[in-house]
Every structure is written in C-alpha cells, then in structure tokens.
Amino acid sequence: MSIHPKNRKSTGNRSLKTIGWKESVDFIELGIQDIPAKIDTGAKTSVLHCKYIELVKIGRKSYVKFVPLDEKYVSHSQAFTLPFHKERKVKNSFGSEENRFIIKTNIRLFNESFEIEISLRDRSDMEYPVLLGRSFLRRKFLVDVSKANLSRNDNHKSPEITVK
C-alpha cells in the first residue's frame, strides 16, 4: 500500500514501517501467538477466522462469544467473550455482502501493540486465518509485496519512511 504524501492531510511527519505481503501476528488478549496473516490492501476490514460466533447479551450489554482459529493454529479450542463493537456489512472474497460482528482487540506486530477493529468469520476454506485490511494498515505501514515475514526477524530493523 503505497501512500502518496499529496493524498494525506498535513498533520506533521509520520513514520511508516515497511511490512511484507504476509506476516505473523500475536493476539495479545487471546493469548494466541505467531498466527499467519495476509496483508490485503484490497480489503477494507481485517478479519479473524473463527469456528463459532454468537452475539450474546449480558445484562444490558452485548458481547460476542467466539472460538478463534482451529487445531491447525492452536492446540486447544477456547471460547472468548469480548464486548460487541458493531456490526458491519462486508463484501466477502466472492463479492457478496454479508453482515459481520466487529470486535476491538490488540495485536502485536514488530514487537509493538496495535488496537485493531477486526471482523469474525469462518475462514476454514482460506489459506490465511487472518487478513489485515486497509483500515488497520493506513497511517502505520507501507506494504512491500516483494517481502514477507519482516516482523518475525527480531533483529530486523524495518526501514521507516517519513511522510509529510
């Protein structure tokens, strides 16, 4: 995702970290580490693969109960209940619109914590259990599609690009 300075509002200098076309992410609150994620500049919304997704009410508040990933990525299935953020219409990979529950959580990438709005969906038929979309990438990362797994190398100093 190349970001042209003319397409930005002038809010001072920003440093963008270079990210590859695929990376590994940790879901901090869920205690899940080293999950393969595809960087998808064609997708607006980020998504996490879940086997089970249900909207539940506890008192007057809404929560989303879900089981992330599957045996391919975690040794045991565990259900989580996080506050419901919103429901959004999202175009799936086939171009059809579907409603998805969105939660807010934190992921770790390049040893840094980032808040993310992420939709929950069964992606068992897809190669990558996580997609990181434009809404998350914007103003943080520059995507270099010729590179991969830049965040895995602890010694790797990702070049930063200053955008004015």
C-alpha atoms as a PDB file:
ATOM      1  CA  MET A   1       0.000   0.000   0.000  1.00  0.00           C
ATOM      2  CA  SER A   2       1.926   2.965  -1.235  1.00  0.00           C
ATOM      3  CA  ILE A   3       0.789   6.165   0.360  1.00  0.00           C
ATOM      4  CA  HIS A   4       1.363   9.319  -1.619  1.00  0.00           C
ATOM      5  CA  PRO A   5       2.017  12.423   0.526  1.00  0.00           C
ATOM      6  CA  LYS A   6      -0.429  14.514  -1.540  1.00  0.00           C
ATOM      7  CA  ASN A   7      -3.227  12.146  -0.526  1.00  0.00           C
ATOM      8  CA  ARG A   8      -2.736  12.965   3.163  1.00  0.00           C
ATOM      9  CA  LYS A   9      -3.910  15.778   5.335  1.00  0.00           C
ATOM     10  CA  SER A  10      -0.994  17.742   6.665  1.00  0.00           C
ATOM     11  CA  THR A  11      -0.691  16.625  10.276  1.00  0.00           C
ATOM     12  CA  GLY A  12       3.085  16.617  10.583  1.00  0.00           C
ATOM     13  CA  ASN A  13       5.663  13.946   9.839  1.00  0.00           C
ATOM     14  CA  ARG A  14       4.727  10.281  10.132  1.00  0.00           C
ATOM     15  CA  SER A  15       6.992   7.266  10.000  1.00  0.00           C
ATOM     16  CA  LEU A  16       5.632   4.264   8.153  1.00  0.00           C
ATOM     17  CA  LYS A  17       7.106   0.861   8.920  1.00  0.00           C
ATOM     18  CA  THR A  18       7.599  -1.472   5.950  1.00  0.00           C
ATOM     19  CA  ILE A  19       5.530  -4.645   6.130  1.00  0.00           C
ATOM     20  CA  GLY A  20       5.649  -7.673   3.814  1.00  0.00           C
ATOM     21  CA  TRP A  21       2.758  -9.309   1.939  1.00  0.00           C
ATOM     22  CA  LYS A  22       2.395 -11.811   4.788  1.00  0.00           C
ATOM     23  CA  GLU A  23       3.363 -11.509   8.440  1.00  0.00           C
ATOM     24  CA  SER A  24       2.865 -13.224  11.794  1.00  0.00           C
ATOM     25  CA  VAL A  25       0.719 -11.589  14.459  1.00  0.00           C
ATOM     26  CA  ASP A  26       0.000 -12.209  18.130  1.00  0.00           C
ATOM     27  CA  PHE A  27      -3.466 -11.661  19.592  1.00  0.00           C
ATOM     28  CA  ILE A  28      -2.448 -10.318  22.989  1.00  0.00           C
ATOM     29  CA  GLU A  29      -5.779 -10.535  24.872  1.00  0.00           C
ATOM     30  CA  LEU A  30      -6.470 -14.006  23.484  1.00  0.00           C
ATOM     31  CA  GLY A  31      -3.021 -15.383  24.327  1.00  0.00           C
ATOM     32  CA  ILE A  32      -2.574 -16.598  20.744  1.00  0.00           C
ATOM     33  CA  GLN A  33       0.832 -16.169  19.123  1.00  0.00           C
ATOM     34  CA  ASP A  34       2.549 -16.410  15.763  1.00  0.00           C
ATOM     35  CA  ILE A  35      -0.583 -16.568  13.591  1.00  0.00           C
ATOM     36  CA  PRO A  36      -0.058 -16.184   9.819  1.00  0.00           C
ATOM     37  CA  ALA A  37      -1.697 -13.046   8.437  1.00  0.00           C
ATOM     38  CA  LYS A  38      -2.059 -11.963   4.833  1.00  0.00           C
ATOM     39  CA  ILE A  39      -1.702  -8.250   4.219  1.00  0.00           C
ATOM     40  CA  ASP A  40      -4.649  -7.393   1.978  1.00  0.00           C
ATOM     41  CA  THR A  41      -4.780  -3.833   0.658  1.00  0.00           C
ATOM     42  CA  GLY A  42      -7.835  -4.848  -1.367  1.00  0.00           C
ATOM     43  CA  ALA A  43      -9.839  -5.487   1.803  1.00  0.00           C
ATOM     44  CA  LYS A  44     -11.083  -2.576   3.888  1.00  0.00           C
ATOM     45  CA  THR A  45     -11.787  -4.621   7.014  1.00  0.00           C
ATOM     46  CA  SER A  46      -9.460  -7.003   8.848  1.00  0.00           C
ATOM     47  CA  VAL A  47     -10.782 -10.471   9.655  1.00  0.00           C
ATOM     48  CA  LEU A  48     -10.013 -13.316  12.088  1.00  0.00           C
ATOM     49  CA  HIS A  49     -11.000 -16.929  11.387  1.00  0.00           C
ATOM     50  CA  CYS A  50     -13.426 -18.284  13.982  1.00  0.00           C
ATOM     51  CA  LYS A  51     -15.207 -21.635  14.206  1.00  0.00           C
ATOM     52  CA  TYR A  52     -18.066 -20.373  16.340  1.00  0.00           C
ATOM     53  CA  ILE A  53     -19.506 -16.830  16.552  1.00  0.00           C
ATOM     54  CA  GLU A  54     -22.526 -15.739  18.600  1.00  0.00           C
ATOM     55  CA  LEU A  55     -23.882 -12.392  19.816  1.00  0.00           C
ATOM     56  CA  VAL A  56     -24.845 -12.660  23.499  1.00  0.00           C
ATOM     57  CA  LYS A  57     -26.466 -10.261  25.963  1.00  0.00           C
ATOM     58  CA  ILE A  58     -25.174  -9.979  29.495  1.00  0.00           C
ATOM     59  CA  GLY A  59     -27.367  -7.562  31.371  1.00  0.00           C
ATOM     60  CA  ARG A  60     -27.849  -4.577  29.086  1.00  0.00           C
ATOM     61  CA  LYS A  61     -24.569  -5.022  27.219  1.00  0.00           C
ATOM     62  CA  SER A  62     -23.869  -7.000  24.054  1.00  0.00           C
ATOM     63  CA  TYR A  63     -20.863  -9.272  23.697  1.00  0.00           C
ATOM     64  CA  VAL A  64     -19.524 -11.552  21.010  1.00  0.00           C
ATOM     65  CA  LYS A  65     -18.729 -15.112  22.054  1.00  0.00           C
ATOM     66  CA  PHE A  66     -16.350 -16.820  19.638  1.00  0.00           C
ATOM     67  CA  VAL A  67     -13.825 -19.616  19.227  1.00  0.00           C
ATOM     68  CA  PRO A  68     -10.865 -18.297  17.232  1.00  0.00           C
ATOM     69  CA  LEU A  69      -8.858 -20.376  14.784  1.00  0.00           C
ATOM     70  CA  ASP A  70      -8.807 -24.167  14.728  1.00  0.00           C
ATOM     71  CA  GLU A  71      -6.490 -27.070  15.558  1.00  0.00           C
ATOM     72  CA  LYS A  72      -4.154 -26.105  12.731  1.00  0.00           C
ATOM     73  CA  TYR A  73      -3.114 -22.966  14.668  1.00  0.00           C
ATOM     74  CA  VAL A  74      -3.908 -23.595  18.344  1.00  0.00           C
ATOM     75  CA  SER A  75      -3.525 -26.749  20.420  1.00  0.00           C
ATOM     76  CA  HIS A  76      -6.945 -26.469  22.076  1.00  0.00           C
ATOM     77  CA  SER A  77     -10.132 -24.585  21.310  1.00  0.00           C
ATOM     78  CA  GLN A  78     -11.142 -21.925  23.770  1.00  0.00           C
ATOM     79  CA  ALA A  79     -14.189 -19.662  23.684  1.00  0.00           C
ATOM     80  CA  PHE A  80     -13.740 -15.952  24.344  1.00  0.00           C
ATOM     81  CA  THR A  81     -16.341 -13.318  25.112  1.00  0.00           C
ATOM     82  CA  LEU A  82     -15.427  -9.734  24.211  1.00  0.00           C
ATOM     83  CA  PRO A  83     -17.525  -6.567  24.038  1.00  0.00           C
ATOM     84  CA  PHE A  84     -19.510  -6.199  20.824  1.00  0.00           C
ATOM     85  CA  HIS A  85     -18.222  -3.140  18.952  1.00  0.00           C
ATOM     86  CA  LYS A  86     -20.523  -3.029  15.928  1.00  0.00           C
ATOM     87  CA  GLU A  87     -21.993  -4.979  13.044  1.00  0.00           C
ATOM     88  CA  ARG A  88     -20.884  -4.080   9.537  1.00  0.00           C
ATOM     89  CA  LYS A  89     -21.776  -5.125   6.004  1.00  0.00           C
ATOM     90  CA  VAL A  90     -18.621  -6.524   4.435  1.00  0.00           C
ATOM     91  CA  LYS A  91     -18.022  -7.787   0.908  1.00  0.00           C
ATOM     92  CA  ASN A  92     -16.581 -11.274   1.069  1.00  0.00           C
ATOM     93  CA  SER A  93     -13.941 -12.662  -1.292  1.00  0.00           C
ATOM     94  CA  PHE A  94     -16.701 -13.651  -3.725  1.00  0.00           C
ATOM     95  CA  GLY A  95     -18.121 -10.111  -3.887  1.00  0.00           C
ATOM     96  CA  SER A  96     -21.258 -10.864  -1.862  1.00  0.00           C
ATOM     97  CA  GLU A  97     -22.223  -8.647   1.066  1.00  0.00           C
ATOM     98  CA  GLU A  98     -22.604 -10.228   4.489  1.00  0.00           C
ATOM     99  CA  ASN A  99     -23.095  -8.889   8.000  1.00  0.00           C
ATOM    100  CA  ARG A 100     -20.196  -9.460  10.373  1.00  0.00           C
ATOM    101  CA  PHE A 101     -19.640  -8.773  14.042  1.00  0.00           C
ATOM    102  CA  ILE A 102     -16.709  -6.473  14.769  1.00  0.00           C
ATOM    103  CA  ILE A 103     -14.682  -6.524  17.970  1.00  0.00           C
ATOM    104  CA  LYS A 104     -11.829  -4.339  19.149  1.00  0.00           C
ATOM    105  CA  THR A 105      -8.732  -6.087  20.413  1.00  0.00           C
ATOM    106  CA  ASN A 106      -4.959  -5.689  20.360  1.00  0.00           C
ATOM    107  CA  ILE A 107      -2.418  -7.416  18.171  1.00  0.00           C
ATOM    108  CA  ARG A 108       1.357  -7.458  18.390  1.00  0.00           C
ATOM    109  CA  LEU A 109       3.369  -6.875  15.245  1.00  0.00           C
ATOM    110  CA  PHE A 110       7.071  -5.907  15.156  1.00  0.00           C
ATOM    111  CA  ASN A 111       7.075  -6.164  18.984  1.00  0.00           C
ATOM    112  CA  GLU A 112       4.554  -3.304  19.098  1.00  0.00           C
ATOM    113  CA  SER A 113       0.953  -3.407  20.273  1.00  0.00           C
ATOM    114  CA  PHE A 114      -1.781  -2.050  17.978  1.00  0.00           C
ATOM    115  CA  GLU A 115      -5.502  -1.699  18.598  1.00  0.00           C
ATOM    116  CA  ILE A 116      -7.496  -3.257  15.773  1.00  0.00           C
ATOM    117  CA  GLU A 117     -11.126  -3.478  14.747  1.00  0.00           C
ATOM    118  CA  ILE A 118     -11.491  -6.975  13.361  1.00  0.00           C
ATOM    119  CA  SER A 119     -14.429  -8.879  11.924  1.00  0.00           C
ATOM    120  CA  LEU A 120     -15.064 -12.507  12.831  1.00  0.00           C
ATOM    121  CA  ARG A 121     -15.785 -15.110  10.148  1.00  0.00           C
ATOM    122  CA  ASP A 122     -15.276 -18.776   9.312  1.00  0.00           C
ATOM    123  CA  ARG A 123     -12.231 -18.763   7.011  1.00  0.00           C
ATOM    124  CA  SER A 124     -11.557 -22.516   7.168  1.00  0.00           C
ATOM    125  CA  ASP A 125     -11.606 -22.658   3.371  1.00  0.00           C
ATOM    126  CA  MET A 126      -8.971 -19.909   3.084  1.00  0.00           C
ATOM    127  CA  GLU A 127      -5.192 -20.232   3.239  1.00  0.00           C
ATOM    128  CA  TYR A 128      -4.645 -17.481   5.837  1.00  0.00           C
ATOM    129  CA  PRO A 129      -6.640 -17.319   9.083  1.00  0.00           C
ATOM    130  CA  VAL A 130      -6.118 -13.559   9.396  1.00  0.00           C
ATOM    131  CA  LEU A 131      -6.382 -10.732   6.888  1.00  0.00           C
ATOM    132  CA  LEU A 132      -5.093  -7.286   7.767  1.00  0.00           C
ATOM    133  CA  GLY A 133      -7.035  -4.737   5.723  1.00  0.00           C
ATOM    134  CA  ARG A 134      -6.623  -1.093   4.756  1.00  0.00           C
ATOM    135  CA  SER A 135      -8.346   0.351   7.823  1.00  0.00           C
ATOM    136  CA  PHE A 136      -5.682  -1.215  10.039  1.00  0.00           C
ATOM    137  CA  LEU A 137      -2.722  -0.597   7.711  1.00  0.00           C
ATOM    138  CA  ARG A 138      -3.464   3.062   6.998  1.00  0.00           C
ATOM    139  CA  ARG A 139      -1.010   5.530   8.539  1.00  0.00           C
ATOM    140  CA  LYS A 140       1.075   2.735  10.071  1.00  0.00           C
ATOM    141  CA  PHE A 141       2.607   0.614   7.322  1.00  0.00           C
ATOM    142  CA  LEU A 142       3.975   0.690   3.803  1.00  0.00           C
ATOM    143  CA  VAL A 143       3.439  -2.683   2.089  1.00  0.00           C
ATOM    144  CA  ASP A 144       6.356  -4.146   0.121  1.00  0.00           C
ATOM    145  CA  VAL A 145       4.862  -7.088  -1.793  1.00  0.00           C
ATOM    146  CA  SER A 146       8.333  -8.414  -2.641  1.00  0.00           C
ATOM    147  CA  LYS A 147       8.974  -9.148   1.053  1.00  0.00           C
ATOM    148  CA  ALA A 148       7.414 -11.493   3.616  1.00  0.00           C
ATOM    149  CA  ASN A 149       7.623 -12.146   7.351  1.00  0.00           C
ATOM    150  CA  LEU A 150       9.548  -8.979   8.184  1.00  0.00           C
ATOM    151  CA  SER A 151       8.031  -8.960  11.687  1.00  0.00           C
ATOM    152  CA  ARG A 152       9.373 -12.434  12.546  1.00  0.00           C
ATOM    153  CA  ASN A 153      13.013 -11.431  12.466  1.00  0.00           C
ATOM    154  CA  ASP A 154      13.658  -9.859  15.877  1.00  0.00           C
ATOM    155  CA  ASN A 155      16.910  -8.375  14.607  1.00  0.00           C
ATOM    156  CA  HIS A 156      15.262  -6.891  11.527  1.00  0.00           C
ATOM    157  CA  LYS A 157      15.071  -3.134  11.565  1.00  0.00           C
ATOM    158  CA  SER A 158      12.299  -2.329   9.151  1.00  0.00           C
ATOM    159  CA  PRO A 159      13.125   0.791   7.161  1.00  0.00           C
ATOM    160  CA  GLU A 160      10.972   3.722   8.111  1.00  0.00           C
ATOM    161  CA  ILE A 161       9.727   6.161   5.537  1.00  0.00           C
ATOM    162  CA  THR A 162       8.809   9.666   6.599  1.00  0.00           C
ATOM    163  CA  VAL A 163       5.645  11.054   5.066  1.00  0.00           C
ATOM    164  CA  LYS A 164       4.963  14.770   5.298  1.00  0.00           C
END
